[in-house]
Amino acid sequence: MAVVLNWNGGEDTLACLRSLRATEAPRPLLLLVDNGSSDGSVEAALAEDAELSVLRHGENLGFAAGNNRAVDHAFTSLGAEWVALVNNDLLAQPELFLRLLEGVAEAERTGGPVGAAGPCLVYTDDASRIWACGGRVRAGLNVTQLLDHGRLRAGEPGPPRDVDYVPGTCLLISRAAWAAAGPLDEAFFCYLEDADWGLRLREAGLRAVVVPAAVASHGLSASTGGGYSAGRKYMTAVNSVHFLRKHGSLAGWLGLLLFDIVLWPVAFLFGVARGHGVAALAKLKGVLDGLRGERVDASVALRYARRPS
């Protein structure tokens, strides 16, 4: 089953659903999960596919809580063995799920049990360039790092490989993994819940792998304006502090202090030069708010959805 979380997703959501319906066998059942949208996107999706399953939430529960309810429903009520979390701005290539399941089988032949898998994500407007092939957790400039970010795809894709976490943009989860690692941490609301879940999965003795032969394109945070929007930078910064409180080492805290506070003026000047001054300011505010105990919630998401990046 593929779960598509929607919050006023408009045409992005419709395009995502069309791409999923066009995938080859094993084609997943689709579940559209709506976080209190008011833009008519659910009605538009049903107009295109009257048999589409829809789970409606009356409010914006965020990525973590909205998906938690959907995954629980898929595993407990619908009998699913695998559930794919899919961002509404993702476009699936026809062989996406076939390649993912083949990759899981290949990885398990050469190692321990796999609980989660994801594809190589490329940019929608440039499929030759990678957005992420999995992610890792680190101490330093950022709490997490998207692997192969910005690189060109070249040659044979290579075998599945282990990663610290699979980005929630397209995250295939087994029933066993959900039972072992538990649900997404709803305190994150959105951003970094995937990295947190990946660490808990590994602690439970299961692996997360990226399958380079499986490919999908990612339109980049449609609800917050892109990869370097003020909203994304603010919410990620707040949640980085929360992440460090849960998992952080001394090196992680020192990295936050050095790169996000002490050297922030340098980052700000680079941001201004690239037209990202507002986002750089938002990131600093997010770090400081996070240190003060502020959290990301629906009101924060709405505030940044309504302002320019």
Protein backbone atom coordinates (compact mmCIF):
# COMPACT_ATOMS: atom_id res chain seq x y z
CA MET A 1 0.00 0.00 0.00
CA ALA A 2 1.17 3.53 -0.81
CA VAL A 3 0.13 6.30 1.58
CA VAL A 4 0.06 9.83 0.13
CA LEU A 5 -0.27 12.56 2.75
CA ASN A 6 -2.00 15.68 1.46
CA TRP A 7 -2.29 19.17 2.91
CA ASN A 8 -3.65 21.59 0.32
CA GLY A 9 -1.49 19.80 -2.22
CA GLY A 10 -3.42 20.82 -5.33
CA GLU A 11 -1.95 19.69 -8.64
CA ASP A 12 1.11 18.15 -6.95
CA THR A 13 -1.09 15.59 -5.22
CA LEU A 14 -3.02 14.80 -8.40
CA ALA A 15 0.20 14.31 -10.38
CA CYS A 16 1.64 12.09 -7.66
CA LEU A 17 -1.45 9.86 -7.61
CA ARG A 18 -1.42 9.59 -11.41
CA SER A 19 2.20 8.45 -11.36
CA LEU A 20 1.47 5.84 -8.69
CA ARG A 21 -1.50 4.49 -10.64
CA ALA A 22 0.80 4.11 -13.64
CA THR A 23 3.39 1.97 -11.84
CA GLU A 24 3.92 -1.61 -12.95
CA ALA A 25 3.18 -4.70 -10.88
CA PRO A 26 3.35 -5.06 -7.98
CA ARG A 27 1.24 -1.90 -8.10
CA PRO A 28 0.25 -0.84 -4.55
CA LEU A 29 -3.19 0.04 -3.35
CA LEU A 30 -3.43 3.81 -2.82
CA LEU A 31 -4.55 5.60 0.31
CA LEU A 32 -4.88 9.38 0.23
CA VAL A 33 -4.57 10.81 3.72
CA ASP A 34 -5.82 14.36 4.08
CA ASN A 35 -4.67 16.69 6.84
CA GLY A 36 -7.64 19.06 6.83
CA SER A 37 -7.17 20.54 3.36
CA SER A 38 -9.36 23.41 2.21
CA ASP A 39 -8.25 23.68 -1.44
CA GLY A 40 -10.54 21.04 -2.92
CA SER A 41 -7.63 18.67 -3.62
CA VAL A 42 -9.39 15.63 -2.17
CA GLU A 43 -12.49 16.25 -4.25
CA ALA A 44 -10.34 16.70 -7.34
CA ALA A 45 -8.55 13.40 -6.62
CA LEU A 46 -11.86 11.58 -6.21
CA ALA A 47 -13.12 13.08 -9.46
CA GLU A 48 -10.19 11.41 -11.23
CA ASP A 49 -10.51 8.13 -9.32
CA ALA A 50 -13.85 7.50 -7.65
CA GLU A 51 -12.53 4.29 -6.04
CA LEU A 52 -9.59 6.00 -4.35
CA SER A 53 -9.42 5.23 -0.62
CA VAL A 54 -9.35 8.40 1.47
CA LEU A 55 -8.62 8.83 5.16
CA ARG A 56 -9.60 12.32 6.32
CA HIS A 57 -8.21 14.13 9.32
CA GLY A 58 -10.09 17.21 10.38
CA GLU A 59 -6.93 19.25 10.95
CA ASN A 60 -3.27 19.44 9.98
CA LEU A 61 -1.70 16.75 12.13
CA GLY A 62 1.70 17.10 10.49
CA PHE A 63 3.74 14.53 8.62
CA ALA A 64 4.39 12.25 11.57
CA ALA A 65 0.93 12.02 13.15
CA GLY A 66 -0.91 12.05 9.83
CA ASN A 67 1.15 9.16 8.52
CA ASN A 68 1.09 7.26 11.82
CA ARG A 69 -2.68 6.95 11.70
CA ALA A 70 -2.56 5.89 8.07
CA VAL A 71 0.14 3.26 8.60
CA ASP A 72 -1.65 1.83 11.63
CA HIS A 73 -4.83 1.62 9.53
CA ALA A 74 -2.98 -0.11 6.67
CA PHE A 75 -1.31 -2.71 8.90
CA THR A 76 -4.13 -3.41 11.36
CA SER A 77 -7.28 -2.95 9.28
CA LEU A 78 -6.19 -3.58 5.70
CA GLY A 79 -3.69 -6.38 6.26
CA ALA A 80 -0.79 -4.75 4.42
CA GLU A 81 2.68 -6.31 4.74
CA TRP A 82 4.55 -3.31 3.33
CA VAL A 83 3.50 0.34 3.37
CA ALA A 84 5.19 3.11 1.38
CA LEU A 85 5.03 6.65 2.70
CA VAL A 86 4.99 8.92 -0.35
CA ASN A 87 5.31 12.71 -0.39
CA ASN A 88 2.61 14.33 -2.47
CA ASP A 89 5.25 16.02 -4.67
CA LEU A 90 6.87 12.72 -5.68
CA LEU A 91 6.57 11.30 -9.20
CA ALA A 92 7.13 7.56 -9.40
CA GLN A 93 8.82 5.85 -12.29
CA PRO A 94 6.88 2.82 -13.58
CA GLU A 95 9.21 0.21 -12.03
CA LEU A 96 9.59 1.94 -8.65
CA PHE A 97 7.96 -0.67 -6.39
CA LEU A 98 9.22 -3.66 -8.36
CA ARG A 99 12.79 -2.40 -8.02
CA LEU A 100 12.34 -1.59 -4.31
CA LEU A 101 11.11 -5.09 -3.46
CA GLU A 102 13.83 -6.66 -5.62
CA GLY A 103 16.36 -4.52 -3.77
CA VAL A 104 15.06 -5.66 -0.38
CA ALA A 105 15.36 -9.29 -1.44
CA GLU A 106 18.89 -8.75 -2.75
CA ALA A 107 19.99 -6.95 0.41
CA GLU A 108 18.61 -9.71 2.63
CA ARG A 109 20.50 -12.37 0.66
CA THR A 110 23.76 -10.70 1.60
CA GLY A 111 22.95 -9.39 5.09
CA GLY A 112 20.46 -9.21 7.93
CA PRO A 113 16.74 -8.44 7.74
CA VAL A 114 15.66 -5.20 6.05
CA GLY A 115 12.92 -3.16 7.65
CA ALA A 116 12.86 -0.13 5.37
CA ALA A 117 13.91 0.77 1.86
CA GLY A 118 13.85 3.77 -0.42
CA PRO A 119 14.74 4.78 -3.97
CA CYS A 120 17.28 7.15 -5.39
CA LEU A 121 15.46 10.49 -5.53
CA VAL A 122 16.21 12.85 -8.41
CA TYR A 123 15.09 16.38 -9.18
CA THR A 124 11.83 16.67 -11.10
CA ASP A 125 13.27 19.26 -13.47
CA ASP A 126 16.62 17.47 -13.91
CA ALA A 127 16.43 13.69 -13.64
CA SER A 128 20.18 13.42 -14.24
CA ARG A 129 20.92 15.03 -10.86
CA ILE A 130 20.38 13.34 -7.50
CA TRP A 131 18.50 14.92 -4.61
CA ALA A 132 19.18 12.03 -2.22
CA CYS A 133 20.09 8.34 -2.19
CA GLY A 134 19.38 7.75 1.48
CA GLY A 135 20.64 9.77 4.42
CA ARG A 136 23.04 9.65 7.30
CA VAL A 137 23.20 11.19 10.75
CA ARG A 138 26.32 13.13 11.61
CA ALA A 139 27.83 15.75 13.87
CA GLY A 140 28.81 18.94 12.15
CA LEU A 141 27.30 21.39 9.73
CA ASN A 142 23.87 19.73 9.87
CA VAL A 143 22.43 16.98 12.04
CA THR A 144 21.58 14.93 8.95
CA GLN A 145 23.03 14.67 5.46
CA LEU A 146 21.35 13.64 2.20
CA LEU A 147 23.69 11.15 0.52
CA ASP A 148 24.85 11.91 -3.05
CA HIS A 149 22.99 15.24 -2.89
CA GLY A 150 23.63 17.27 -6.05
CA ARG A 151 25.64 14.59 -7.83
CA LEU A 152 25.01 13.46 -11.39
CA ARG A 153 23.67 9.97 -11.97
CA ALA A 154 26.20 8.03 -13.98
CA GLY A 155 26.78 4.44 -15.07
CA GLU A 156 25.18 1.39 -13.49
CA PRO A 157 23.11 2.13 -10.37
CA GLY A 158 24.92 -0.37 -8.16
CA PRO A 159 23.54 -2.73 -5.51
CA PRO A 160 21.39 -1.80 -2.49
CA ARG A 161 23.38 -0.28 0.33
CA ASP A 162 22.78 0.40 4.00
CA VAL A 163 21.98 3.93 5.16
CA ASP A 164 21.23 5.53 8.52
CA TYR A 165 17.75 6.43 7.33
CA VAL A 166 15.53 6.62 4.28
CA PRO A 167 14.03 10.07 3.61
CA GLY A 168 10.28 10.16 4.25
CA THR A 169 9.80 11.39 0.69
CA CYS A 170 9.49 7.73 -0.30
CA LEU A 171 9.88 5.31 2.59
CA LEU A 172 8.91 1.64 2.25
CA ILE A 173 8.25 0.09 5.68
CA SER A 174 7.60 -3.53 6.59
CA ARG A 175 5.02 -4.64 9.12
CA ALA A 176 7.82 -6.13 11.25
CA ALA A 177 9.75 -2.84 11.20
CA TRP A 178 6.72 -0.83 12.33
CA ALA A 179 6.16 -3.24 15.21
CA ALA A 180 9.83 -3.20 16.21
CA ALA A 181 10.68 0.50 15.88
CA GLY A 182 7.28 1.94 16.70
CA PRO A 183 5.55 4.88 15.01
CA LEU A 184 7.08 8.15 13.90
CA ASP A 185 7.76 10.56 16.75
CA GLU A 186 4.88 13.03 16.52
CA ALA A 187 6.78 15.63 18.52
CA PHE A 188 8.73 16.44 15.35
CA PHE A 189 5.49 17.29 13.48
CA CYS A 190 7.45 17.48 10.22
CA TYR A 191 11.16 17.20 9.32
CA LEU A 192 13.72 14.85 10.91
CA GLU A 193 11.10 12.34 12.04
CA ASP A 194 12.44 10.06 9.30
CA ALA A 195 16.00 10.25 10.63
CA ASP A 196 14.80 9.63 14.18
CA TRP A 197 12.79 6.60 13.02
CA GLY A 198 15.76 5.27 11.06
CA LEU A 199 17.96 5.31 14.16
CA ARG A 200 15.28 3.52 16.17
CA LEU A 201 14.94 0.94 13.40
CA ARG A 202 18.66 0.17 13.58
CA GLU A 203 18.48 -0.02 17.37
CA ALA A 204 15.75 -2.65 16.90
CA GLY A 205 18.17 -4.76 14.83
CA LEU A 206 16.72 -4.05 11.37
CA ARG A 207 18.37 -2.40 8.38
CA ALA A 208 17.41 0.55 6.20
CA VAL A 209 18.64 0.35 2.62
CA VAL A 210 18.60 2.58 -0.42
CA VAL A 211 18.01 0.88 -3.78
CA PRO A 212 19.76 2.90 -6.53
CA ALA A 213 17.97 0.94 -9.26
CA ALA A 214 14.66 2.31 -7.97
CA VAL A 215 14.14 5.92 -9.02
CA ALA A 216 11.56 8.62 -8.31
CA SER A 217 11.61 12.38 -8.73
CA HIS A 218 11.05 14.78 -5.87
CA GLY A 219 9.57 18.22 -6.36
CA LEU A 220 11.02 19.49 -3.05
CA SER A 221 8.77 20.43 -0.13
CA ALA A 222 5.82 21.77 -2.08
CA SER A 223 4.00 22.98 1.04
CA THR A 224 6.92 25.13 2.26
CA GLY A 225 8.35 26.48 -0.97
CA GLY A 226 11.36 24.36 -1.82
CA GLY A 227 14.63 23.00 -0.55
CA TYR A 228 15.92 26.32 0.83
CA SER A 229 12.71 28.00 1.90
CA ALA A 230 12.42 29.92 5.15
CA GLY A 231 9.81 27.49 6.43
CA ARG A 232 11.88 24.41 5.78
CA LYS A 233 14.99 25.96 7.32
CA TYR A 234 13.13 27.19 10.41
CA MET A 235 11.31 23.93 11.10
CA THR A 236 14.37 21.78 10.41
CA ALA A 237 16.44 23.94 12.78
CA VAL A 238 13.89 23.67 15.60
CA ASN A 239 13.73 19.91 15.13
CA SER A 240 17.52 19.61 14.94
CA VAL A 241 17.66 20.76 18.55
CA HIS A 242 14.95 18.26 19.50
CA PHE A 243 16.85 15.53 17.63
CA LEU A 244 20.05 16.32 19.52
CA ARG A 245 18.16 16.16 22.81
CA LYS A 246 17.11 12.62 21.91
CA HIS A 247 20.21 11.30 20.18
CA GLY A 248 22.93 13.91 20.38
CA SER A 249 26.54 13.44 21.42
CA LEU A 250 28.97 16.06 22.68
CA ALA A 251 30.30 16.33 19.12
CA GLY A 252 26.77 16.95 17.84
CA TRP A 253 26.13 19.77 20.29
CA LEU A 254 29.51 21.33 19.56
CA GLY A 255 28.74 21.14 15.85
CA LEU A 256 25.45 22.96 16.40
CA LEU A 257 27.19 25.64 18.46
CA LEU A 258 30.01 26.13 15.95
CA PHE A 259 28.25 25.95 12.60
CA ASP A 260 24.76 27.23 13.43
CA ILE A 261 25.60 29.96 15.95
CA VAL A 262 29.29 30.97 16.02
CA LEU A 263 29.79 30.79 12.24
CA TRP A 264 26.24 31.81 11.37
CA PRO A 265 27.27 35.32 10.16
CA VAL A 266 29.43 33.68 7.48
CA ALA A 267 26.55 31.42 6.45
CA PHE A 268 24.26 34.45 6.36
CA LEU A 269 26.56 36.33 3.98
CA PHE A 270 26.72 33.30 1.68
CA GLY A 271 22.94 33.04 1.90
CA VAL A 272 22.44 36.69 0.96
CA ALA A 273 24.78 36.27 -2.01
CA ARG A 274 22.64 33.38 -3.27
CA GLY A 275 19.33 35.09 -2.57
CA HIS A 276 18.62 33.05 0.57
CA GLY A 277 19.02 35.70 3.24
CA VAL A 278 15.48 35.27 4.62
CA ALA A 279 15.97 31.51 4.90
CA ALA A 280 19.32 31.97 6.67
CA LEU A 281 17.66 34.25 9.21
CA ALA A 282 14.86 31.72 9.67
CA LYS A 283 17.39 28.97 10.38
CA LEU A 284 19.07 30.98 13.14
CA LYS A 285 15.69 31.80 14.66
CA GLY A 286 14.80 28.10 14.53
CA VAL A 287 17.95 27.09 16.39
CA LEU A 288 17.39 29.70 19.08
CA ASP A 289 13.68 28.83 19.40
CA GLY A 290 14.58 25.16 19.64
CA LEU A 291 17.03 25.86 22.44
CA ARG A 292 14.23 27.75 24.22
CA GLY A 293 12.00 24.69 23.94
CA GLU A 294 9.75 25.88 21.11
CA ARG A 295 8.24 23.17 18.92
CA VAL A 296 6.92 22.88 15.37
CA ASP A 297 3.15 22.56 15.10
CA ALA A 298 0.27 23.28 12.74
CA SER A 299 0.32 27.02 13.47
CA VAL A 300 4.01 27.22 12.55
CA ALA A 301 3.45 25.29 9.31
CA LEU A 302 0.54 27.57 8.39
CA ARG A 303 2.52 30.71 9.16
CA TYR A 304 5.36 29.75 6.83
CA ALA A 305 3.02 28.44 4.15
CA ARG A 306 1.57 31.95 3.91
CA ARG A 307 4.82 33.89 3.68
CA PRO A 308 7.30 34.07 0.81
CA SER A 309 10.57 32.20 1.06
